[in-house]
Amino acid sequence: MIKPELLVTPTSVENVEEVIDAGADAVMIGEERYGLRLAGEFDRTAVHEAVKLAHERGVKVYVAMNALFHNDTLPELPDYLAFLDKIGADAVVFGDPAVLMNAKQYAPKVELHWNTETTATNWYTANYWGRKGSARAVLARELNMDSVIEIKENAEVAIEVQVHGMTCMFQSKRTLVGNYMEFQGKDLGVEGRSKDRTLVLHDPERDVKYPIWEDWNGTHIMSPKDMCIIDELDELIDAEIDSFKIDGVLKDGAYIRDMTGLYRQAIDQYAAKPEEYIEEKEAWRDRALALQPDNRELDTGFFFKETVY
């Protein structure tokens, strides 16, 4: 049995060390200017420190460059990619072809992981980007289990799937909330506050709240529940999915550390004693639920089509 990589998005350099101790095989980090919806802000110094720390422990570091780039940002890409190449980052996560084209020239030693958040929905497209130079495709969160497995069966690249955490429902490059408040003649200090501000959209009909924030990349509206398939990992492991991702956005470091440890145990148990994992499926979900904040329920996302937004 081939164990999948356990990929985690930590909040800080200190949290990188914590999730490595908890069992992460790889971490994804970056800074808001270049990456979307990261658990923490890592400037160049922090990225360098994280790479050194992780490599000392045999763990990989992927740097997010999957933002929506406009013309004014393009001149910055060569320098940033050359920096990542120099410090030995293991991969760059990208969605924009501008990153791929610059990476081939300025970061030739860095692997490329294609991640457009929503359009990785079939194996043909995944293979298209593989032939352009990507080593991995990060699948859209809106796929069900059968679609994920079918893509893996036909993929020429490694496949990454999110197994836990919040998911994005909507993004606009515009700061919609800040613009609306300004139009109303109000100043709530929304723009530029990033993820530190607790703003929600409340749907009284469904009685759910959608976290929302605005940053360099615009407006982000997130799911009202956290995806969790710790009790369904066996199907993905049997399908030989290459990487399982725990997304730590809007979570604190302790939560990310503890959830990493829980998934590490579940993966290891299924690899060593699959019958015991299957017998304890309900218990694994109960353990995950015990770590959840009171205001965040768990569901299985779109894996079994039970989430409807």
C-alpha atoms as a PDB file:
ATOM      1  CA  MET A   1       0.000   0.000   0.000  1.00  0.00           C
ATOM      2  CA  ILE A   2       1.306   3.452  -0.960  1.00  0.00           C
ATOM      3  CA  LYS A   3       0.839   6.086   1.720  1.00  0.00           C
ATOM      4  CA  PRO A   4      -0.261   9.523   0.505  1.00  0.00           C
ATOM      5  CA  GLU A   5       1.683  12.639   1.352  1.00  0.00           C
ATOM      6  CA  LEU A   6       0.117  14.598   4.229  1.00  0.00           C
ATOM      7  CA  LEU A   7       0.268  18.275   3.226  1.00  0.00           C
ATOM      8  CA  VAL A   8      -0.552  21.021   5.743  1.00  0.00           C
ATOM      9  CA  THR A   9      -0.879  24.818   5.596  1.00  0.00           C
ATOM     10  CA  PRO A  10       0.680  26.204   8.817  1.00  0.00           C
ATOM     11  CA  THR A  11       0.276  29.669  10.336  1.00  0.00           C
ATOM     12  CA  SER A  12       3.917  30.539  11.124  1.00  0.00           C
ATOM     13  CA  VAL A  13       7.475  29.231  11.158  1.00  0.00           C
ATOM     14  CA  GLU A  14       6.866  27.962  14.702  1.00  0.00           C
ATOM     15  CA  ASN A  15       3.749  26.172  13.514  1.00  0.00           C
ATOM     16  CA  VAL A  16       5.768  24.599  10.680  1.00  0.00           C
ATOM     17  CA  GLU A  17       7.850  22.849  13.315  1.00  0.00           C
ATOM     18  CA  GLU A  18       4.724  21.821  15.232  1.00  0.00           C
ATOM     19  CA  VAL A  19       2.989  20.229  12.246  1.00  0.00           C
ATOM     20  CA  ILE A  20       6.191  18.446  11.270  1.00  0.00           C
ATOM     21  CA  ASP A  21       6.353  16.979  14.777  1.00  0.00           C
ATOM     22  CA  ALA A  22       2.693  15.986  14.354  1.00  0.00           C
ATOM     23  CA  GLY A  23       3.425  14.084  11.148  1.00  0.00           C
ATOM     24  CA  ALA A  24       3.207  16.410   8.133  1.00  0.00           C
ATOM     25  CA  ASP A  25       5.167  15.290   5.073  1.00  0.00           C
ATOM     26  CA  ALA A  26       4.950  18.696   3.382  1.00  0.00           C
ATOM     27  CA  VAL A  27       3.795  22.240   4.105  1.00  0.00           C
ATOM     28  CA  MET A  28       2.389  24.938   1.844  1.00  0.00           C
ATOM     29  CA  ILE A  29       3.242  28.530   2.738  1.00  0.00           C
ATOM     30  CA  GLY A  30       3.542  31.915   1.062  1.00  0.00           C
ATOM     31  CA  GLU A  31       2.599  35.550   1.245  1.00  0.00           C
ATOM     32  CA  GLU A  32      -0.709  37.202   0.517  1.00  0.00           C
ATOM     33  CA  ARG A  33       0.641  39.167  -2.439  1.00  0.00           C
ATOM     34  CA  TYR A  34       1.292  36.004  -4.426  1.00  0.00           C
ATOM     35  CA  GLY A  35      -0.833  33.276  -2.825  1.00  0.00           C
ATOM     36  CA  LEU A  36      -4.527  32.786  -2.142  1.00  0.00           C
ATOM     37  CA  ARG A  37      -6.154  32.177   1.236  1.00  0.00           C
ATOM     38  CA  LEU A  38      -3.119  31.052   3.189  1.00  0.00           C
ATOM     39  CA  ALA A  39      -3.260  30.046   6.846  1.00  0.00           C
ATOM     40  CA  GLY A  40      -0.413  32.440   7.683  1.00  0.00           C
ATOM     41  CA  GLU A  41       1.666  35.229   6.154  1.00  0.00           C
ATOM     42  CA  PHE A  42       5.253  34.231   5.322  1.00  0.00           C
ATOM     43  CA  ASP A  43       7.558  36.972   4.069  1.00  0.00           C
ATOM     44  CA  ARG A  44      10.823  36.058   2.372  1.00  0.00           C
ATOM     45  CA  THR A  45      12.695  35.687   5.640  1.00  0.00           C
ATOM     46  CA  ALA A  46      10.020  33.372   7.026  1.00  0.00           C
ATOM     47  CA  VAL A  47       9.891  31.330   3.816  1.00  0.00           C
ATOM     48  CA  HIS A  48      13.665  30.856   3.959  1.00  0.00           C
ATOM     49  CA  GLU A  49      13.517  29.839   7.622  1.00  0.00           C
ATOM     50  CA  ALA A  50      10.689  27.407   6.933  1.00  0.00           C
ATOM     51  CA  VAL A  51      12.573  25.782   4.059  1.00  0.00           C
ATOM     52  CA  LYS A  52      15.714  25.311   6.177  1.00  0.00           C
ATOM     53  CA  LEU A  53      13.731  23.916   9.092  1.00  0.00           C
ATOM     54  CA  ALA A  54      11.644  21.567   6.965  1.00  0.00           C
ATOM     55  CA  HIS A  55      14.553  20.238   4.932  1.00  0.00           C
ATOM     56  CA  GLU A  56      16.474  19.433   8.094  1.00  0.00           C
ATOM     57  CA  ARG A  57      13.546  17.166   8.982  1.00  0.00           C
ATOM     58  CA  GLY A  58      13.071  15.672   5.524  1.00  0.00           C
ATOM     59  CA  VAL A  59       9.853  17.604   4.865  1.00  0.00           C
ATOM     60  CA  LYS A  60       9.001  19.433   1.636  1.00  0.00           C
ATOM     61  CA  VAL A  61       7.968  23.080   1.284  1.00  0.00           C
ATOM     62  CA  TYR A  62       5.594  24.294  -1.406  1.00  0.00           C
ATOM     63  CA  VAL A  63       5.171  28.039  -1.962  1.00  0.00           C
ATOM     64  CA  ALA A  64       1.836  29.451  -3.107  1.00  0.00           C
ATOM     65  CA  MET A  65       1.842  31.657  -6.203  1.00  0.00           C
ATOM     66  CA  ASN A  66      -1.758  30.960  -7.200  1.00  0.00           C
ATOM     67  CA  ALA A  67      -3.104  34.510  -6.923  1.00  0.00           C
ATOM     68  CA  LEU A  68      -4.949  36.305  -9.732  1.00  0.00           C
ATOM     69  CA  PHE A  69      -2.140  38.319 -11.275  1.00  0.00           C
ATOM     70  CA  HIS A  70      -2.683  41.599 -13.122  1.00  0.00           C
ATOM     71  CA  ASN A  71      -0.197  43.433 -15.331  1.00  0.00           C
ATOM     72  CA  ASP A  72       1.264  45.516 -12.501  1.00  0.00           C
ATOM     73  CA  THR A  73       2.406  42.399 -10.593  1.00  0.00           C
ATOM     74  CA  LEU A  74       4.059  40.602 -13.503  1.00  0.00           C
ATOM     75  CA  PRO A  75       7.447  42.405 -13.178  1.00  0.00           C
ATOM     76  CA  GLU A  76       7.797  41.011  -9.636  1.00  0.00           C
ATOM     77  CA  LEU A  77       7.505  37.356 -10.615  1.00  0.00           C
ATOM     78  CA  PRO A  78      11.059  36.740 -11.943  1.00  0.00           C
ATOM     79  CA  ASP A  79      12.729  38.033  -8.779  1.00  0.00           C
ATOM     80  CA  TYR A  80      10.429  36.125  -6.433  1.00  0.00           C
ATOM     81  CA  LEU A  81      10.812  32.884  -8.388  1.00  0.00           C
ATOM     82  CA  ALA A  82      14.602  33.283  -8.520  1.00  0.00           C
ATOM     83  CA  PHE A  83      14.553  33.704  -4.729  1.00  0.00           C
ATOM     84  CA  LEU A  84      12.555  30.482  -4.295  1.00  0.00           C
ATOM     85  CA  ASP A  85      14.932  28.643  -6.610  1.00  0.00           C
ATOM     86  CA  LYS A  86      17.946  29.907  -4.659  1.00  0.00           C
ATOM     87  CA  ILE A  87      16.657  28.850  -1.220  1.00  0.00           C
ATOM     88  CA  GLY A  88      15.601  25.425  -2.479  1.00  0.00           C
ATOM     89  CA  ALA A  89      11.809  25.538  -2.283  1.00  0.00           C
ATOM     90  CA  ASP A  90      10.475  22.181  -3.438  1.00  0.00           C
ATOM     91  CA  ALA A  91       7.545  23.421  -5.514  1.00  0.00           C
ATOM     92  CA  VAL A  92       5.577  26.453  -6.584  1.00  0.00           C
ATOM     93  CA  VAL A  93       1.791  26.211  -6.564  1.00  0.00           C
ATOM     94  CA  PHE A  94       0.433  28.157  -9.536  1.00  0.00           C
ATOM     95  CA  GLY A  95      -2.721  28.795 -11.509  1.00  0.00           C
ATOM     96  CA  ASP A  96      -1.619  31.546 -13.874  1.00  0.00           C
ATOM     97  CA  PRO A  97       0.467  30.551 -16.946  1.00  0.00           C
ATOM     98  CA  ALA A  98       2.579  33.667 -16.281  1.00  0.00           C
ATOM     99  CA  VAL A  99       4.019  31.870 -13.250  1.00  0.00           C
ATOM    100  CA  LEU A 100       4.747  28.719 -15.237  1.00  0.00           C
ATOM    101  CA  MET A 101       6.492  30.642 -18.023  1.00  0.00           C
ATOM    102  CA  ASN A 102       8.634  32.646 -15.608  1.00  0.00           C
ATOM    103  CA  ALA A 103       9.416  29.607 -13.473  1.00  0.00           C
ATOM    104  CA  LYS A 104      10.921  27.745 -16.409  1.00  0.00           C
ATOM    105  CA  GLN A 105      13.415  30.555 -16.820  1.00  0.00           C
ATOM    106  CA  TYR A 106      14.016  31.817 -13.268  1.00  0.00           C
ATOM    107  CA  ALA A 107      13.303  28.746 -11.102  1.00  0.00           C
ATOM    108  CA  PRO A 108      14.272  25.726 -13.205  1.00  0.00           C
ATOM    109  CA  LYS A 109      14.957  23.517 -10.161  1.00  0.00           C
ATOM    110  CA  VAL A 110      11.542  24.107  -8.576  1.00  0.00           C
ATOM    111  CA  GLU A 111       8.688  21.701  -9.265  1.00  0.00           C
ATOM    112  CA  LEU A 112       5.356  23.110 -10.471  1.00  0.00           C
ATOM    113  CA  HIS A 113       1.950  22.237  -9.000  1.00  0.00           C
ATOM    114  CA  TRP A 114      -1.092  23.402 -10.969  1.00  0.00           C
ATOM    115  CA  ASN A 115      -3.880  24.778  -8.775  1.00  0.00           C
ATOM    116  CA  THR A 116      -6.657  26.991 -10.116  1.00  0.00           C
ATOM    117  CA  GLU A 117      -8.991  26.172  -7.174  1.00  0.00           C
ATOM    118  CA  THR A 118     -12.064  25.490  -9.348  1.00  0.00           C
ATOM    119  CA  THR A 119     -11.223  24.412 -12.901  1.00  0.00           C
ATOM    120  CA  ALA A 120      -9.287  21.198 -12.174  1.00  0.00           C
ATOM    121  CA  THR A 121     -12.333  19.040 -12.815  1.00  0.00           C
ATOM    122  CA  ASN A 122     -11.169  16.459 -15.364  1.00  0.00           C
ATOM    123  CA  TRP A 123      -8.128  14.348 -16.131  1.00  0.00           C
ATOM    124  CA  TYR A 124      -7.652  15.723 -19.636  1.00  0.00           C
ATOM    125  CA  THR A 125      -7.076  19.258 -18.321  1.00  0.00           C
ATOM    126  CA  ALA A 126      -4.781  17.943 -15.591  1.00  0.00           C
ATOM    127  CA  ASN A 127      -2.704  16.154 -18.215  1.00  0.00           C
ATOM    128  CA  TYR A 128      -2.658  19.258 -20.424  1.00  0.00           C
ATOM    129  CA  TRP A 129      -0.932  21.225 -17.678  1.00  0.00           C
ATOM    130  CA  GLY A 130       1.304  18.242 -16.993  1.00  0.00           C
ATOM    131  CA  ARG A 131       2.543  18.376 -20.568  1.00  0.00           C
ATOM    132  CA  LYS A 132       3.203  22.090 -20.082  1.00  0.00           C
ATOM    133  CA  GLY A 133       5.485  21.342 -17.144  1.00  0.00           C
ATOM    134  CA  SER A 134       3.361  20.755 -14.059  1.00  0.00           C
ATOM    135  CA  ALA A 135       4.162  17.721 -11.915  1.00  0.00           C
ATOM    136  CA  ARG A 136       0.916  17.822  -9.932  1.00  0.00           C
ATOM    137  CA  ALA A 137      -2.733  18.828 -10.279  1.00  0.00           C
ATOM    138  CA  VAL A 138      -4.672  20.087  -7.270  1.00  0.00           C
ATOM    139  CA  LEU A 139      -8.265  19.002  -7.817  1.00  0.00           C
ATOM    140  CA  ALA A 140     -11.286  21.254  -7.378  1.00  0.00           C
ATOM    141  CA  ARG A 141     -13.138  20.831  -4.087  1.00  0.00           C
ATOM    142  CA  GLU A 142     -16.473  20.479  -5.896  1.00  0.00           C
ATOM    143  CA  LEU A 143     -15.746  16.953  -7.171  1.00  0.00           C
ATOM    144  CA  ASN A 144     -17.363  13.820  -5.776  1.00  0.00           C
ATOM    145  CA  MET A 145     -15.423  10.711  -4.809  1.00  0.00           C
ATOM    146  CA  ASP A 146     -16.084   8.845  -8.068  1.00  0.00           C
ATOM    147  CA  SER A 147     -14.814  11.792 -10.133  1.00  0.00           C
ATOM    148  CA  VAL A 148     -11.662  12.089  -8.040  1.00  0.00           C
ATOM    149  CA  ILE A 149     -10.886   8.409  -8.474  1.00  0.00           C
ATOM    150  CA  GLU A 150     -11.576   8.517 -12.224  1.00  0.00           C
ATOM    151  CA  ILE A 151      -9.221  11.468 -12.645  1.00  0.00           C
ATOM    152  CA  LYS A 152      -6.480   9.635 -10.734  1.00  0.00           C
ATOM    153  CA  GLU A 153      -6.922   6.532 -12.900  1.00  0.00           C
ATOM    154  CA  ASN A 154      -6.281   8.591 -16.041  1.00  0.00           C
ATOM    155  CA  ALA A 155      -3.828  11.203 -14.758  1.00  0.00           C
ATOM    156  CA  GLU A 156      -0.275  11.539 -16.009  1.00  0.00           C
ATOM    157  CA  VAL A 157       0.568  13.795 -13.061  1.00  0.00           C
ATOM    158  CA  ALA A 158       0.386  13.472  -9.281  1.00  0.00           C
ATOM    159  CA  ILE A 159      -3.031  14.271  -7.788  1.00  0.00           C
ATOM    160  CA  GLU A 160      -3.633  16.364  -4.663  1.00  0.00           C
ATOM    161  CA  VAL A 161      -6.992  16.410  -2.860  1.00  0.00           C
ATOM    162  CA  GLN A 162      -8.156  18.477   0.105  1.00  0.00           C
ATOM    163  CA  VAL A 163      -9.429  16.225   2.883  1.00  0.00           C
ATOM    164  CA  HIS A 164     -10.001  18.726   5.674  1.00  0.00           C
ATOM    165  CA  GLY A 165     -10.748  22.386   6.283  1.00  0.00           C
ATOM    166  CA  MET A 166     -12.621  25.373   4.980  1.00  0.00           C
ATOM    167  CA  THR A 167     -13.336  25.823   1.286  1.00  0.00           C
ATOM    168  CA  CYS A 168     -13.782  28.953  -0.809  1.00  0.00           C
ATOM    169  CA  MET A 169     -17.219  29.598  -2.299  1.00  0.00           C
ATOM    170  CA  PHE A 170     -16.553  32.936  -3.973  1.00  0.00           C
ATOM    171  CA  GLN A 171     -13.710  35.297  -4.800  1.00  0.00           C
ATOM    172  CA  SER A 172     -13.677  38.683  -6.490  1.00  0.00           C
ATOM    173  CA  LYS A 173     -10.595  40.757  -7.145  1.00  0.00           C
ATOM    174  CA  ARG A 174     -12.649  43.745  -5.978  1.00  0.00           C
ATOM    175  CA  THR A 175     -13.050  44.674  -2.298  1.00  0.00           C
ATOM    176  CA  LEU A 176     -16.810  44.363  -2.438  1.00  0.00           C
ATOM    177  CA  VAL A 177     -17.605  44.841   1.242  1.00  0.00           C
ATOM    178  CA  GLY A 178     -15.296  47.820   1.599  1.00  0.00           C
ATOM    179  CA  ASN A 179     -16.692  49.395  -1.565  1.00  0.00           C
ATOM    180  CA  TYR A 180     -20.251  48.901  -0.345  1.00  0.00           C
ATOM    181  CA  MET A 181     -19.503  50.455   3.039  1.00  0.00           C
ATOM    182  CA  GLU A 182     -17.822  53.400   1.364  1.00  0.00           C
ATOM    183  CA  PHE A 183     -20.862  53.841  -0.888  1.00  0.00           C
ATOM    184  CA  GLN A 184     -23.041  53.874   2.241  1.00  0.00           C
ATOM    185  CA  GLY A 185     -20.869  56.597   3.756  1.00  0.00           C
ATOM    186  CA  LYS A 186     -19.559  54.237   6.422  1.00  0.00           C
ATOM    187  CA  ASP A 187     -16.032  53.254   7.322  1.00  0.00           C
ATOM    188  CA  LEU A 188     -15.804  49.911   9.096  1.00  0.00           C
ATOM    189  CA  GLY A 189     -12.107  49.480   8.391  1.00  0.00           C
ATOM    190  CA  VAL A 190     -12.720  46.436   6.248  1.00  0.00           C
ATOM    191  CA  GLU A 191     -10.274  46.963   3.426  1.00  0.00           C
ATOM    192  CA  GLY A 192      -6.735  45.837   4.131  1.00  0.00           C
ATOM    193  CA  ARG A 193      -7.608  44.034   7.360  1.00  0.00           C
ATOM    194  CA  SER A 194      -7.085  40.606   5.791  1.00  0.00           C
ATOM    195  CA  LYS A 195      -8.190  37.533   7.774  1.00  0.00           C
ATOM    196  CA  ASP A 196      -7.814  39.153  11.193  1.00  0.00           C
ATOM    197  CA  ARG A 197     -11.285  40.668  11.024  1.00  0.00           C
ATOM    198  CA  THR A 198     -14.247  38.481  11.943  1.00  0.00           C
ATOM    199  CA  LEU A 199     -16.828  39.277   9.301  1.00  0.00           C
ATOM    200  CA  VAL A 200     -19.608  36.883   8.324  1.00  0.00           C
ATOM    201  CA  LEU A 201     -22.513  36.773   5.934  1.00  0.00           C
ATOM    202  CA  HIS A 202     -25.578  35.417   7.712  1.00  0.00           C
ATOM    203  CA  ASP A 203     -28.183  33.377   5.847  1.00  0.00           C
ATOM    204  CA  PRO A 204     -31.235  33.360   8.146  1.00  0.00           C
ATOM    205  CA  GLU A 205     -33.141  30.922   5.935  1.00  0.00           C
ATOM    206  CA  ARG A 206     -30.520  28.185   6.384  1.00  0.00           C
ATOM    207  CA  ASP A 207     -29.261  29.609   9.698  1.00  0.00           C
ATOM    208  CA  VAL A 208     -25.627  29.483   8.572  1.00  0.00           C
ATOM    209  CA  LYS A 209     -22.792  31.981   8.618  1.00  0.00           C
ATOM    210  CA  TYR A 210     -20.214  32.360   5.851  1.00  0.00           C
ATOM    211  CA  PRO A 211     -16.820  33.788   6.913  1.00  0.00           C
ATOM    212  CA  ILE A 212     -15.716  36.659   4.700  1.00  0.00           C
ATOM    213  CA  TRP A 213     -12.585  38.777   4.464  1.00  0.00           C
ATOM    214  CA  GLU A 214     -10.808  41.148   2.125  1.00  0.00           C
ATOM    215  CA  ASP A 215      -7.098  41.338   1.408  1.00  0.00           C
ATOM    216  CA  TRP A 216      -4.634  42.071  -1.401  1.00  0.00           C
ATOM    217  CA  ASN A 217      -6.408  39.504  -3.578  1.00  0.00           C
ATOM    218  CA  GLY A 218      -9.917  40.907  -3.102  1.00  0.00           C
ATOM    219  CA  THR A 219     -13.005  39.498  -1.398  1.00  0.00           C
ATOM    220  CA  HIS A 220     -13.259  35.906  -0.191  1.00  0.00           C
ATOM    221  CA  ILE A 221     -16.432  34.165   1.002  1.00  0.00           C
ATOM    222  CA  MET A 222     -15.896  30.791   2.653  1.00  0.00           C
ATOM    223  CA  SER A 223     -17.979  27.706   3.387  1.00  0.00           C
ATOM    224  CA  PRO A 224     -20.113  27.597   6.548  1.00  0.00           C
ATOM    225  CA  LYS A 225     -18.766  24.157   7.485  1.00  0.00           C
ATOM    226  CA  ASP A 226     -15.381  22.445   7.417  1.00  0.00           C
ATOM    227  CA  MET A 227     -14.810  19.518   5.107  1.00  0.00           C
ATOM    228  CA  CYS A 228     -13.693  16.368   6.934  1.00  0.00           C
ATOM    229  CA  ILE A 229     -13.297  12.903   5.444  1.00  0.00           C
ATOM    230  CA  ILE A 230     -11.045  11.314   8.037  1.00  0.00           C
ATOM    231  CA  ASP A 231     -13.491   8.393   8.146  1.00  0.00           C
ATOM    232  CA  GLU A 232     -13.406   7.918   4.355  1.00  0.00           C
ATOM    233  CA  LEU A 233      -9.668   8.026   3.691  1.00  0.00           C
ATOM    234  CA  ASP A 234      -9.567   4.353   2.729  1.00  0.00           C
ATOM    235  CA  GLU A 235     -11.155   4.961  -0.689  1.00  0.00           C
ATOM    236  CA  LEU A 236      -8.649   7.683  -1.537  1.00  0.00           C
ATOM    237  CA  ILE A 237      -5.691   5.663  -0.262  1.00  0.00           C
ATOM    238  CA  ASP A 238      -6.821   2.609  -2.241  1.00  0.00           C
ATOM    239  CA  ALA A 239      -7.055   4.864  -5.323  1.00  0.00           C
ATOM    240  CA  GLU A 240      -3.426   5.926  -4.661  1.00  0.00           C
ATOM    241  CA  ILE A 241      -4.178   9.651  -4.442  1.00  0.00           C
ATOM    242  CA  ASP A 242      -0.741  11.215  -4.049  1.00  0.00           C
ATOM    243  CA  SER A 243      -1.372  14.005  -1.544  1.00  0.00           C
ATOM    244  CA  PHE A 244      -3.948  14.748   1.156  1.00  0.00           C
ATOM    245  CA  LYS A 245      -4.224  18.410   2.116  1.00  0.00           C
ATOM    246  CA  ILE A 246      -5.331  19.873   5.440  1.00  0.00           C
ATOM    247  CA  ASP A 247      -6.214  23.534   4.891  1.00  0.00           C
ATOM    248  CA  GLY A 248      -5.629  25.616   8.017  1.00  0.00           C
ATOM    249  CA  VAL A 249      -7.104  28.918   6.828  1.00  0.00           C
ATOM    250  CA  LEU A 250      -8.861  30.812   9.667  1.00  0.00           C
ATOM    251  CA  LYS A 251      -7.638  28.256  12.222  1.00  0.00           C
ATOM    252  CA  ASP A 252      -5.044  28.714  14.950  1.00  0.00           C
ATOM    253  CA  GLY A 253      -1.764  26.848  15.074  1.00  0.00           C
ATOM    254  CA  ALA A 254      -2.831  24.469  17.842  1.00  0.00           C
ATOM    255  CA  TYR A 255      -5.855  23.301  15.868  1.00  0.00           C
ATOM    256  CA  ILE A 256      -3.766  22.703  12.743  1.00  0.00           C
ATOM    257  CA  ARG A 257      -1.142  20.808  14.769  1.00  0.00           C
ATOM    258  CA  ASP A 258      -3.714  18.594  16.485  1.00  0.00           C
ATOM    259  CA  MET A 259      -5.664  17.861  13.295  1.00  0.00           C
ATOM    260  CA  THR A 260      -2.423  17.009  11.505  1.00  0.00           C
ATOM    261  CA  GLY A 261      -1.609  14.504  14.237  1.00  0.00           C
ATOM    262  CA  LEU A 262      -5.063  12.950  13.977  1.00  0.00           C
ATOM    263  CA  TYR A 263      -4.872  12.481  10.203  1.00  0.00           C
ATOM    264  CA  ARG A 264      -1.342  11.120  10.549  1.00  0.00           C
ATOM    265  CA  GLN A 265      -2.624   8.450  12.929  1.00  0.00           C
ATOM    266  CA  ALA A 266      -5.567   7.588  10.680  1.00  0.00           C
ATOM    267  CA  ILE A 267      -3.411   7.238   7.557  1.00  0.00           C
ATOM    268  CA  ASP A 268      -0.830   5.148   9.387  1.00  0.00           C
ATOM    269  CA  GLN A 269      -3.456   2.891  10.919  1.00  0.00           C
ATOM    270  CA  TYR A 270      -5.105   2.162   7.567  1.00  0.00           C
ATOM    271  CA  ALA A 271      -1.719   1.449   5.999  1.00  0.00           C
ATOM    272  CA  ALA A 272      -0.716  -0.921   8.803  1.00  0.00           C
ATOM    273  CA  LYS A 273      -4.052  -2.429   9.875  1.00  0.00           C
ATOM    274  CA  PRO A 274      -6.835  -1.532   7.434  1.00  0.00           C
ATOM    275  CA  GLU A 275      -9.440  -3.666   9.178  1.00  0.00           C
ATOM    276  CA  GLU A 276      -8.938  -1.743  12.436  1.00  0.00           C
ATOM    277  CA  TYR A 277      -9.293   1.618  10.680  1.00  0.00           C
ATOM    278  CA  ILE A 278     -12.533   0.486   9.033  1.00  0.00           C
ATOM    279  CA  GLU A 279     -13.926  -0.764  12.349  1.00  0.00           C
ATOM    280  CA  GLU A 280     -13.125   2.594  13.982  1.00  0.00           C
ATOM    281  CA  LYS A 281     -14.463   4.936  11.284  1.00  0.00           C
ATOM    282  CA  GLU A 282     -17.069   6.511  13.534  1.00  0.00           C
ATOM    283  CA  ALA A 283     -14.490   6.987  16.279  1.00  0.00           C
ATOM    284  CA  TRP A 284     -12.125   8.826  13.903  1.00  0.00           C
ATOM    285  CA  ARG A 285     -14.858  11.296  13.005  1.00  0.00           C
ATOM    286  CA  ASP A 286     -15.729  11.775  16.678  1.00  0.00           C
ATOM    287  CA  ARG A 287     -12.088  12.598  17.422  1.00  0.00           C
ATOM    288  CA  ALA A 288     -12.049  15.185  14.638  1.00  0.00           C
ATOM    289  CA  LEU A 289     -15.305  16.674  15.890  1.00  0.00           C
ATOM    290  CA  ALA A 290     -13.838  17.004  19.388  1.00  0.00           C
ATOM    291  CA  LEU A 291     -11.151  19.327  17.956  1.00  0.00           C
ATOM    292  CA  GLN A 292     -13.655  21.563  16.143  1.00  0.00           C
ATOM    293  CA  PRO A 293     -14.522  25.103  17.257  1.00  0.00           C
ATOM    294  CA  ASP A 294     -18.110  25.356  18.489  1.00  0.00           C
ATOM    295  CA  ASN A 295     -19.099  27.559  15.543  1.00  0.00           C
ATOM    296  CA  ARG A 296     -17.802  25.214  12.823  1.00  0.00           C
ATOM    297  CA  GLU A 297     -19.640  22.004  11.968  1.00  0.00           C
ATOM    298  CA  LEU A 298     -18.128  19.209   9.892  1.00  0.00           C
ATOM    299  CA  ASP A 299     -19.406  17.703   6.658  1.00  0.00           C
ATOM    300  CA  THR A 300     -17.928  15.752   3.747  1.00  0.00           C
ATOM    301  CA  GLY A 301     -17.936  18.644   1.306  1.00  0.00           C
ATOM    302  CA  PHE A 302     -18.845  17.511  -2.206  1.00  0.00           C
ATOM    303  CA  PHE A 303     -17.355  14.023  -1.878  1.00  0.00           C
ATOM    304  CA  PHE A 304     -20.848  12.547  -1.475  1.00  0.00           C
ATOM    305  CA  LYS A 305     -22.846  15.538  -2.772  1.00  0.00           C
ATOM    306  CA  GLU A 306     -24.348  16.442   0.583  1.00  0.00           C
ATOM    307  CA  THR A 307     -23.128  20.049   0.616  1.00  0.00           C
ATOM    308  CA  VAL A 308     -25.254  22.534  -1.291  1.00  0.00           C
ATOM    309  CA  TYR A 309     -24.467  26.257  -1.165  1.00  0.00           C
END
